C-alpha atoms as a PDB file:
ATOM      1  CA  UNK A   1      -2.805 -33.163 -48.558  1.00  0.00           C
ATOM      2  CA  UNK A   2      -2.774 -36.005 -46.107  1.00  0.00           C
ATOM      3  CA  UNK A   3       1.389 -35.029 -45.806  1.00  0.00           C
ATOM      4  CA  UNK A   4      -0.436 -31.733 -45.067  1.00  0.00           C
ATOM      5  CA  UNK A   5      -2.463 -33.567 -41.949  1.00  0.00           C
ATOM      6  CA  UNK A   6      -0.059 -36.037 -40.619  1.00  0.00           C
ATOM      7  CA  UNK A   7       2.722 -32.948 -40.151  1.00  0.00           C
ATOM      8  CA  UNK A   8       0.111 -30.654 -38.533  1.00  0.00           C
ATOM      9  CA  UNK A   9      -0.839 -33.271 -36.265  1.00  0.00           C
ATOM     10  CA  UNK A  10       2.244 -34.246 -35.558  1.00  0.00           C
ATOM     11  CA  UNK A  11       3.433 -30.555 -34.837  1.00  0.00           C
ATOM     12  CA  UNK A  12       0.616 -30.366 -32.745  1.00  0.00           C
ATOM     13  CA  UNK A  13       2.032 -32.212 -29.318  1.00  0.00           C
ATOM     14  CA  UNK A  14       5.416 -29.433 -29.020  1.00  0.00           C
ATOM     15  CA  UNK A  15       3.015 -26.694 -29.598  1.00  0.00           C
ATOM     16  CA  UNK A  16       0.856 -27.771 -26.803  1.00  0.00           C
ATOM     17  CA  UNK A  17       3.848 -27.993 -24.718  1.00  0.00           C
ATOM     18  CA  UNK A  18       5.179 -24.633 -26.319  1.00  0.00           C
ATOM     19  CA  UNK A  19       1.845 -22.975 -24.910  1.00  0.00           C
ATOM     20  CA  UNK A  20       1.796 -24.805 -21.924  1.00  0.00           C
ATOM     21  CA  UNK A  21       5.245 -24.347 -20.698  1.00  0.00           C
ATOM     22  CA  UNK A  22       4.341 -20.278 -21.727  1.00  0.00           C
ATOM     23  CA  UNK A  23       1.315 -20.462 -18.917  1.00  0.00           C
ATOM     24  CA  UNK A  24       3.464 -22.080 -16.337  1.00  0.00           C
ATOM     25  CA  UNK A  25       6.073 -18.986 -17.014  1.00  0.00           C
ATOM     26  CA  UNK A  26       3.590 -16.362 -17.233  1.00  0.00           C
ATOM     27  CA  UNK A  27       1.536 -17.296 -14.407  1.00  0.00           C
ATOM     28  CA  UNK A  28       4.372 -17.170 -12.367  1.00  0.00           C
ATOM     29  CA  UNK A  29       5.043 -14.008 -13.585  1.00  0.00           C
ATOM     30  CA  UNK A  30       1.859 -12.684 -13.353  1.00  0.00           C
ATOM     31  CA  UNK A  31       1.030 -13.662  -9.571  1.00  0.00           C
ATOM     32  CA  UNK A  32       4.214 -12.153  -8.565  1.00  0.00           C
ATOM     33  CA  UNK A  33       3.528  -8.600 -10.360  1.00  0.00           C
ATOM     34  CA  UNK A  34       0.108  -9.038  -8.634  1.00  0.00           C
ATOM     35  CA  UNK A  35       2.008 -10.258  -5.124  1.00  0.00           C
ATOM     36  CA  UNK A  36       4.508  -6.895  -5.635  1.00  0.00           C
ATOM     37  CA  UNK A  37       1.529  -4.213  -6.946  1.00  0.00           C
ATOM     38  CA  UNK A  38      -0.588  -5.329  -3.582  1.00  0.00           C
ATOM     39  CA  UNK A  39       2.416  -4.946  -1.150  1.00  0.00           C
ATOM     40  CA  UNK A  40       3.522  -1.806  -2.420  1.00  0.00           C
ATOM     41  CA  UNK A  41      -0.073  -0.340  -2.729  1.00  0.00           C
ATOM     42  CA  UNK A  42       0.239  -0.951   1.189  1.00  0.00           C
ATOM     43  CA  UNK A  43       3.408   0.518   1.155  1.00  0.00           C
ATOM     44  CA  UNK A  44       2.239   3.620  -0.130  1.00  0.00           C
ATOM     45  CA  UNK A  45      -0.748   4.250   1.966  1.00  0.00           C
ATOM     46  CA  UNK A  46       1.524   3.294   4.973  1.00  0.00           C
ATOM     47  CA  UNK A  47       3.523   6.034   3.862  1.00  0.00           C
ATOM     48  CA  UNK A  48       0.756   8.696   2.848  1.00  0.00           C
ATOM     49  CA  UNK A  49      -0.758   8.181   6.018  1.00  0.00           C
ATOM     50  CA  UNK A  50       2.521   8.134   8.344  1.00  0.00           C
ATOM     51  CA  UNK A  51       3.898  11.219   6.480  1.00  0.00           C
ATOM     52  CA  UNK A  52       0.405  13.257   7.332  1.00  0.00           C
ATOM     53  CA  UNK A  53      -0.030  12.207  10.979  1.00  0.00           C
ATOM     54  CA  UNK A  54       4.141  12.938  11.120  1.00  0.00           C
ATOM     55  CA  UNK A  55       2.967  16.226  10.199  1.00  0.00           C
ATOM     56  CA  UNK A  56       0.206  16.967  12.529  1.00  0.00           C
ATOM     57  CA  UNK A  57       2.668  15.754  15.430  1.00  0.00           C
ATOM     58  CA  UNK A  58       5.129  17.915  14.573  1.00  0.00           C
ATOM     59  CA  UNK A  59       4.474  20.483  17.605  1.00  0.00           C
ATOM     60  CA  UNK A  60       2.774  18.583  19.419  1.00  0.00           C
ATOM     61  CA  UNK A  61       4.925  15.885  20.781  1.00  0.00           C
ATOM     62  CA  UNK A  62       4.729  16.881  24.513  1.00  0.00           C
ATOM     63  CA  UNK A  63       0.777  16.637  23.941  1.00  0.00           C
ATOM     64  CA  UNK A  64      -0.370  12.799  24.478  1.00  0.00           C
ATOM     65  CA  UNK A  65      -3.645  13.650  24.650  1.00  0.00           C
ATOM     66  CA  UNK A  66      -3.741  14.922  20.602  1.00  0.00           C
ATOM     67  CA  UNK A  67      -1.025  12.261  19.789  1.00  0.00           C
ATOM     68  CA  UNK A  68      -3.605   9.586  20.900  1.00  0.00           C
ATOM     69  CA  UNK A  69      -5.855  10.939  19.024  1.00  0.00           C
ATOM     70  CA  UNK A  70      -4.008  11.076  15.869  1.00  0.00           C
ATOM     71  CA  UNK A  71      -2.856   7.397  16.802  1.00  0.00           C
ATOM     72  CA  UNK A  72      -6.820   6.415  17.202  1.00  0.00           C
ATOM     73  CA  UNK A  73      -7.417   7.672  14.305  1.00  0.00           C
ATOM     74  CA  UNK A  74      -4.386   6.311  12.347  1.00  0.00           C
ATOM     75  CA  UNK A  75      -5.543   2.381  13.306  1.00  0.00           C
ATOM     76  CA  UNK A  76      -9.070   3.117  12.325  1.00  0.00           C
ATOM     77  CA  UNK A  77      -7.866   3.973   8.550  1.00  0.00           C
ATOM     78  CA  UNK A  78      -5.183   0.629   8.477  1.00  0.00           C
ATOM     79  CA  UNK A  79      -7.152  -2.129   9.312  1.00  0.00           C
ATOM     80  CA  UNK A  80      -4.145  -4.801   8.634  1.00  0.00           C
ATOM     81  CA  UNK A  81      -2.096  -3.110  11.292  1.00  0.00           C
ATOM     82  CA  UNK A  82      -1.543  -4.568  14.692  1.00  0.00           C
ATOM     83  CA  UNK A  83      -1.431  -1.188  17.126  1.00  0.00           C
ATOM     84  CA  UNK A  84       0.775   1.833  16.327  1.00  0.00           C
ATOM     85  CA  UNK A  85       2.729   3.407  18.780  1.00  0.00           C
ATOM     86  CA  UNK A  86       4.335   6.986  19.443  1.00  0.00           C
ATOM     87  CA  UNK A  87       7.962   6.006  20.601  1.00  0.00           C
ATOM     88  CA  UNK A  88      10.551   9.374  21.966  1.00  0.00           C
ATOM     89  CA  UNK A  89      13.591  10.512  21.271  1.00  0.00           C
ATOM     90  CA  UNK A  90      14.910   7.633  23.468  1.00  0.00           C
ATOM     91  CA  UNK A  91      13.568   4.744  22.214  1.00  0.00           C
ATOM     92  CA  UNK A  92      10.264   4.840  24.680  1.00  0.00           C
ATOM     93  CA  UNK A  93       6.785   3.438  23.436  1.00  0.00           C
ATOM     94  CA  UNK A  94       4.824   6.492  25.025  1.00  0.00           C
ATOM     95  CA  UNK A  95       1.460   5.779  23.454  1.00  0.00           C
ATOM     96  CA  UNK A  96      -0.543   3.030  21.914  1.00  0.00           C
ATOM     97  CA  UNK A  97      -3.558   2.394  20.415  1.00  0.00           C
ATOM     98  CA  UNK A  98      -5.725   1.454  20.319  1.00  0.00           C
ATOM     99  CA  UNK A  99      -6.476   0.481  24.243  1.00  0.00           C
ATOM    100  CA  UNK A 100      -5.826  -2.993  23.965  1.00  0.00           C
ATOM    101  CA  UNK A 101      -2.256  -2.340  23.655  1.00  0.00           C
ATOM    102  CA  UNK A 102      -1.728   0.687  26.488  1.00  0.00           C
ATOM    103  CA  UNK A 103      -0.645  -1.846  28.785  1.00  0.00           C
ATOM    104  CA  UNK A 104       2.820  -1.574  26.441  1.00  0.00           C
ATOM    105  CA  UNK A 105       3.239   2.099  26.802  1.00  0.00           C
ATOM    106  CA  UNK A 106       6.506   2.797  28.968  1.00  0.00           C
ATOM    107  CA  UNK A 107       7.596  -0.108  26.942  1.00  0.00           C
ATOM    108  CA  UNK A 108      11.945   0.423  26.294  1.00  0.00           C
ATOM    109  CA  UNK A 109      12.302  -0.718  22.741  1.00  0.00           C
ATOM    110  CA  UNK A 110      15.521   1.505  21.926  1.00  0.00           C
ATOM    111  CA  UNK A 111      17.472  -1.716  21.409  1.00  0.00           C
ATOM    112  CA  UNK A 112      15.385  -2.893  18.727  1.00  0.00           C
ATOM    113  CA  UNK A 113      17.673  -2.399  15.407  1.00  0.00           C
ATOM    114  CA  UNK A 114      14.824  -0.563  13.229  1.00  0.00           C
ATOM    115  CA  UNK A 115      14.444   2.234  15.823  1.00  0.00           C
ATOM    116  CA  UNK A 116      18.086   2.465  16.900  1.00  0.00           C
ATOM    117  CA  UNK A 117      18.293   2.967  12.471  1.00  0.00           C
ATOM    118  CA  UNK A 118      15.666   5.594  12.489  1.00  0.00           C
ATOM    119  CA  UNK A 119      16.232   7.557  15.146  1.00  0.00           C
ATOM    120  CA  UNK A 120      20.041   7.680  13.654  1.00  0.00           C
ATOM    121  CA  UNK A 121      19.327   8.856  10.598  1.00  0.00           C
ATOM    122  CA  UNK A 122      15.699   9.988  11.358  1.00  0.00           C
ATOM    123  CA  UNK A 123      14.783   8.740   8.036  1.00  0.00           C
ATOM    124  CA  UNK A 124      11.620   6.105   7.781  1.00  0.00           C
ATOM    125  CA  UNK A 125      12.750   2.578   8.317  1.00  0.00           C
ATOM    126  CA  UNK A 126      11.173  -1.109   8.511  1.00  0.00           C
ATOM    127  CA  UNK A 127      12.200  -3.869   9.798  1.00  0.00           C
ATOM    128  CA  UNK A 128      13.251  -7.061   8.608  1.00  0.00           C
ATOM    129  CA  UNK A 129      11.165  -9.411  11.170  1.00  0.00           C
ATOM    130  CA  UNK A 130      11.327  -9.406  14.951  1.00  0.00           C
ATOM    131  CA  UNK A 131       9.177 -10.560  17.909  1.00  0.00           C
ATOM    132  CA  UNK A 132       7.949  -7.723  19.301  1.00  0.00           C
ATOM    133  CA  UNK A 133       7.112  -6.955  23.164  1.00  0.00           C
ATOM    134  CA  UNK A 134       3.273  -7.111  22.407  1.00  0.00           C
ATOM    135  CA  UNK A 135       4.641 -11.330  22.136  1.00  0.00           C
ATOM    136  CA  UNK A 136       4.126 -12.442  18.452  1.00  0.00           C
ATOM    137  CA  UNK A 137       6.985 -12.092  15.083  1.00  0.00           C
ATOM    138  CA  UNK A 138       6.146  -8.743  13.585  1.00  0.00           C
ATOM    139  CA  UNK A 139       7.694  -6.357  11.532  1.00  0.00           C
ATOM    140  CA  UNK A 140       7.205  -2.948  11.985  1.00  0.00           C
ATOM    141  CA  UNK A 141       7.109   0.764   9.630  1.00  0.00           C
ATOM    142  CA  UNK A 142       8.308   3.601  11.862  1.00  0.00           C
ATOM    143  CA  UNK A 143       8.285   6.756   9.851  1.00  0.00           C
ATOM    144  CA  UNK A 144      10.234   9.992  11.748  1.00  0.00           C
ATOM    145  CA  UNK A 145       8.074  13.043  13.759  1.00  0.00           C
ATOM    146  CA  UNK A 146      10.259  16.493  12.915  1.00  0.00           C
ATOM    147  CA  UNK A 147       9.707  18.870  14.676  1.00  0.00           C
ATOM    148  CA  UNK A 148       8.894  22.685  13.761  1.00  0.00           C
ATOM    149  CA  UNK A 149      13.055  23.723  14.488  1.00  0.00           C
ATOM    150  CA  UNK A 150      13.633  20.966  12.452  1.00  0.00           C
ATOM    151  CA  UNK A 151      14.395  18.602  15.205  1.00  0.00           C
ATOM    152  CA  UNK A 152      14.184  14.339  15.469  1.00  0.00           C
ATOM    153  CA  UNK A 153      10.655  14.625  17.787  1.00  0.00           C
ATOM    154  CA  UNK A 154      10.317  10.706  17.623  1.00  0.00           C
ATOM    155  CA  UNK A 155       8.692   8.614  15.783  1.00  0.00           C
ATOM    156  CA  UNK A 156       5.303   6.944  14.808  1.00  0.00           C
ATOM    157  CA  UNK A 157       5.251   3.077  14.604  1.00  0.00           C
ATOM    158  CA  UNK A 158       3.036   0.568  13.165  1.00  0.00           C
ATOM    159  CA  UNK A 159       3.590  -3.137  14.043  1.00  0.00           C
ATOM    160  CA  UNK A 160       2.176  -5.488  11.461  1.00  0.00           C
ATOM    161  CA  UNK A 161       1.719  -8.735  12.038  1.00  0.00           C
ATOM    162  CA  UNK A 162       3.024 -11.376   8.875  1.00  0.00           C
ATOM    163  CA  UNK A 163      -0.129 -12.815   8.643  1.00  0.00           C
ATOM    164  CA  UNK A 164      -2.754 -10.211   8.279  1.00  0.00           C
ATOM    165  CA  UNK A 165      -0.777  -8.258   6.255  1.00  0.00           C
ATOM    166  CA  UNK A 166      -0.706 -11.097   4.009  1.00  0.00           C
ATOM    167  CA  UNK A 167      -3.458 -13.180   4.004  1.00  0.00           C
ATOM    168  CA  UNK A 168      -5.836 -11.175   2.694  1.00  0.00           C
ATOM    169  CA  UNK A 169      -4.982 -10.534  -0.736  1.00  0.00           C
ATOM    170  CA  UNK A 170      -2.985 -14.359  -1.295  1.00  0.00           C
ATOM    171  CA  UNK A 171      -6.026 -15.988  -0.497  1.00  0.00           C
ATOM    172  CA  UNK A 172      -7.675 -14.449  -3.044  1.00  0.00           C
ATOM    173  CA  UNK A 173      -5.169 -14.636  -5.371  1.00  0.00           C
ATOM    174  CA  UNK A 174      -4.000 -18.489  -5.082  1.00  0.00           C
ATOM    175  CA  UNK A 175      -7.720 -19.364  -4.376  1.00  0.00           C
ATOM    176  CA  UNK A 176      -7.681 -23.063  -4.381  1.00  0.00           C
ATOM    177  CA  UNK A 177      -4.376 -23.683  -6.867  1.00  0.00           C
ATOM    178  CA  UNK A 178      -1.728 -25.858  -5.376  1.00  0.00           C
ATOM    179  CA  UNK A 179       0.930 -23.274  -5.349  1.00  0.00           C
ATOM    180  CA  UNK A 180       2.601 -21.528  -2.053  1.00  0.00           C
ATOM    181  CA  UNK A 181       4.077 -17.843  -1.975  1.00  0.00           C
ATOM    182  CA  UNK A 182       6.408 -17.036   1.092  1.00  0.00           C
ATOM    183  CA  UNK A 183       8.097 -14.685   1.746  1.00  0.00           C
ATOM    184  CA  UNK A 184      12.171 -13.421   2.938  1.00  0.00           C
ATOM    185  CA  UNK A 185      13.830 -11.092   3.867  1.00  0.00           C
ATOM    186  CA  UNK A 186      17.697 -11.106   2.057  1.00  0.00           C
ATOM    187  CA  UNK A 187      18.957 -12.581   5.341  1.00  0.00           C
ATOM    188  CA  UNK A 188      17.197 -15.443   5.525  1.00  0.00           C
ATOM    189  CA  UNK A 189      14.446 -14.735   8.003  1.00  0.00           C
ATOM    190  CA  UNK A 190      10.690 -15.987   6.757  1.00  0.00           C
ATOM    191  CA  UNK A 191       8.351 -13.254   7.192  1.00  0.00           C
ATOM    192  CA  UNK A 192       5.556 -14.707   5.492  1.00  0.00           C
ATOM    193  CA  UNK A 193       4.895 -18.701   5.198  1.00  0.00           C
ATOM    194  CA  UNK A 194       1.366 -19.921   5.042  1.00  0.00           C
ATOM    195  CA  UNK A 195       2.861 -22.652   7.650  1.00  0.00           C
ATOM    196  CA  UNK A 196       2.702 -19.574  11.414  1.00  0.00           C
ATOM    197  CA  UNK A 197       5.271 -22.073  12.882  1.00  0.00           C
ATOM    198  CA  UNK A 198       7.943 -20.821   9.570  1.00  0.00           C
ATOM    199  CA  UNK A 199       7.432 -17.216  10.501  1.00  0.00           C
ATOM    200  CA  UNK A 200      10.616 -15.535  11.793  1.00  0.00           C
ATOM    201  CA  UNK A 201      13.294 -18.847  11.505  1.00  0.00           C
ATOM    202  CA  UNK A 202      16.159 -18.287   9.198  1.00  0.00           C
ATOM    203  CA  UNK A 203      16.552 -20.596   6.280  1.00  0.00           C
ATOM    204  CA  UNK A 204      20.284 -20.013   6.533  1.00  0.00           C
ATOM    205  CA  UNK A 205      20.378 -21.200  10.312  1.00  0.00           C
ATOM    206  CA  UNK A 206      17.926 -23.156  12.396  1.00  0.00           C
ATOM    207  CA  UNK A 207      17.451 -26.461  12.639  1.00  0.00           C
ATOM    208  CA  UNK A 208      14.750 -27.505  10.979  1.00  0.00           C
ATOM    209  CA  UNK A 209      16.011 -26.826   7.302  1.00  0.00           C
ATOM    210  CA  UNK A 210      19.530 -28.178   8.042  1.00  0.00           C
ATOM    211  CA  UNK A 211      17.857 -32.091   6.629  1.00  0.00           C
ATOM    212  CA  UNK A 212      16.983 -29.869   3.016  1.00  0.00           C
ATOM    213  CA  UNK A 213      20.806 -28.537   1.991  1.00  0.00           C
ATOM    214  CA  UNK A 214      18.750 -28.034  -1.586  1.00  0.00           C
ATOM    215  CA  UNK A 215      16.533 -25.931   0.209  1.00  0.00           C
ATOM    216  CA  UNK A 216      19.260 -23.873   1.771  1.00  0.00           C
ATOM    217  CA  UNK A 217      21.152 -23.659  -1.528  1.00  0.00           C
ATOM    218  CA  UNK A 218      18.422 -22.558  -3.497  1.00  0.00           C
ATOM    219  CA  UNK A 219      17.581 -19.618  -0.662  1.00  0.00           C
ATOM    220  CA  UNK A 220      21.633 -18.258  -0.803  1.00  0.00           C
ATOM    221  CA  UNK A 221      19.922 -18.129  -4.855  1.00  0.00           C
ATOM    222  CA  UNK A 222      17.328 -15.918  -4.055  1.00  0.00           C
ATOM    223  CA  UNK A 223      18.898 -13.966  -1.777  1.00  0.00           C
ATOM    224  CA  UNK A 224      21.954 -12.762  -3.752  1.00  0.00           C
ATOM    225  CA  UNK A 225      19.490 -12.037  -6.995  1.00  0.00           C
ATOM    226  CA  UNK A 226      16.499  -9.723  -7.371  1.00  0.00           C
ATOM    227  CA  UNK A 227      14.930 -12.280  -9.465  1.00  0.00           C
ATOM    228  CA  UNK A 228      14.986 -15.721 -10.918  1.00  0.00           C
ATOM    229  CA  UNK A 229      13.943 -19.660 -10.295  1.00  0.00           C
ATOM    230  CA  UNK A 230      15.356 -22.965  -8.936  1.00  0.00           C
ATOM    231  CA  UNK A 231      13.982 -25.734  -7.385  1.00  0.00           C
ATOM    232  CA  UNK A 232      14.395 -27.406  -4.170  1.00  0.00           C
ATOM    233  CA  UNK A 233      12.591 -30.164  -2.271  1.00  0.00           C
ATOM    234  CA  UNK A 234      10.262 -29.204   1.281  1.00  0.00           C
ATOM    235  CA  UNK A 235       7.041 -30.063   3.328  1.00  0.00           C
ATOM    236  CA  UNK A 236       3.963 -29.129   1.473  1.00  0.00           C
ATOM    237  CA  UNK A 237       2.166 -26.108   4.084  1.00  0.00           C
ATOM    238  CA  UNK A 238      -0.584 -28.208   3.671  1.00  0.00           C
ATOM    239  CA  UNK A 239      -0.359 -32.108   3.651  1.00  0.00           C
ATOM    240  CA  UNK A 240       3.124 -31.503   5.598  1.00  0.00           C
ATOM    241  CA  UNK A 241       4.529 -33.584   3.089  1.00  0.00           C
ATOM    242  CA  UNK A 242       7.758 -33.494   1.240  1.00  0.00           C
ATOM    243  CA  UNK A 243       6.913 -32.491  -2.514  1.00  0.00           C
ATOM    244  CA  UNK A 244       9.387 -30.735  -5.226  1.00  0.00           C
ATOM    245  CA  UNK A 245       8.870 -27.037  -5.533  1.00  0.00           C
ATOM    246  CA  UNK A 246       9.774 -25.593  -8.584  1.00  0.00           C
ATOM    247  CA  UNK A 247       9.857 -21.897  -7.250  1.00  0.00           C
ATOM    248  CA  UNK A 248       9.956 -18.368  -9.171  1.00  0.00           C
ATOM    249  CA  UNK A 249      10.574 -14.936  -7.052  1.00  0.00           C
ATOM    250  CA  UNK A 250      10.675 -11.228  -6.908  1.00  0.00           C
ATOM    251  CA  UNK A 251      12.108  -8.820  -4.797  1.00  0.00           C
ATOM    252  CA  UNK A 252      10.594  -6.099  -3.554  1.00  0.00           C
ATOM    253  CA  UNK A 253      12.267  -2.876  -1.870  1.00  0.00           C
ATOM    254  CA  UNK A 254      11.878  -0.861   0.737  1.00  0.00           C
ATOM    255  CA  UNK A 255      14.093   2.236   2.813  1.00  0.00           C
ATOM    256  CA  UNK A 256      17.234  -0.611   1.364  1.00  0.00           C
ATOM    257  CA  UNK A 257      15.508  -3.910   3.371  1.00  0.00           C
ATOM    258  CA  UNK A 258      14.803  -6.668   0.922  1.00  0.00           C
ATOM    259  CA  UNK A 259      11.706  -8.672   0.874  1.00  0.00           C
ATOM    260  CA  UNK A 260      11.662 -11.635  -1.141  1.00  0.00           C
ATOM    261  CA  UNK A 261       8.383 -12.633  -2.796  1.00  0.00           C
ATOM    262  CA  UNK A 262       8.835 -16.501  -3.634  1.00  0.00           C
ATOM    263  CA  UNK A 263       5.845 -18.419  -5.849  1.00  0.00           C
ATOM    264  CA  UNK A 264       7.148 -22.369  -5.416  1.00  0.00           C
ATOM    265  CA  UNK A 265       5.149 -25.096  -7.660  1.00  0.00           C
ATOM    266  CA  UNK A 266       4.412 -28.265  -6.341  1.00  0.00           C
ATOM    267  CA  UNK A 267       5.072 -31.409  -7.365  1.00  0.00           C
ATOM    268  CA  UNK A 268       4.588 -34.920  -6.098  1.00  0.00           C
ATOM    269  CA  UNK A 269       8.019 -36.823  -5.676  1.00  0.00           C
ATOM    270  CA  UNK A 270       8.720 -40.157  -7.098  1.00  0.00           C
ATOM    271  CA  UNK A 271       8.776 -42.559  -4.606  1.00  0.00           C
END
């Protein structure tokens, strides 16, 4: 009986260690799954609303008042977007809502990669992160408007600030846990980080990241695979101190664009 008790006591630390490891893995996996679910839900809402609005405008792209009415309704229904616009066949923003951004009407954005892509393919697009004419880093959803004759008549654009898109559900998921979640595209551009100064930077090329070769190496791993684990040193977004980050990631894809969602547990470096 005593021997059994001793064996049970010896086994307990191993069981606890195993449970703690499993818990950590489940925490990362579960959190990433929750984040991915929220992103996809937002994507689906955008697609549904843009599709129905594109159908409404299919024979009314010459009516600025009708376009404005449709866009105003879209903005009210989608508080996560900064503005929505109708972009004509030549890549010019003809109508923009809300009124705060009306001054950008007439802007030629045809040189933006995602605008050229939607004109070329006449299919929905998601942009990479870029600096918009409105003056901030953002990403854009574009949905084609096809007229009754089947010809491309322009597109509806949803402009989104990363922090407005991500913060509501990330703050709720993470709360006060010592964990960070950040997002990059497969080309290394940071789409979202709690440190807003990193949004729009390229991890592979920006001087900010050159002192951290392990981070760059980790990001190449993240870019190359749909999911996995890695670790690297970098600054905490809150304390600004260097920490070891143990990272897990997953991938969200829409319209051929990949977003890498990175879950990073923070550990103090040994000094």
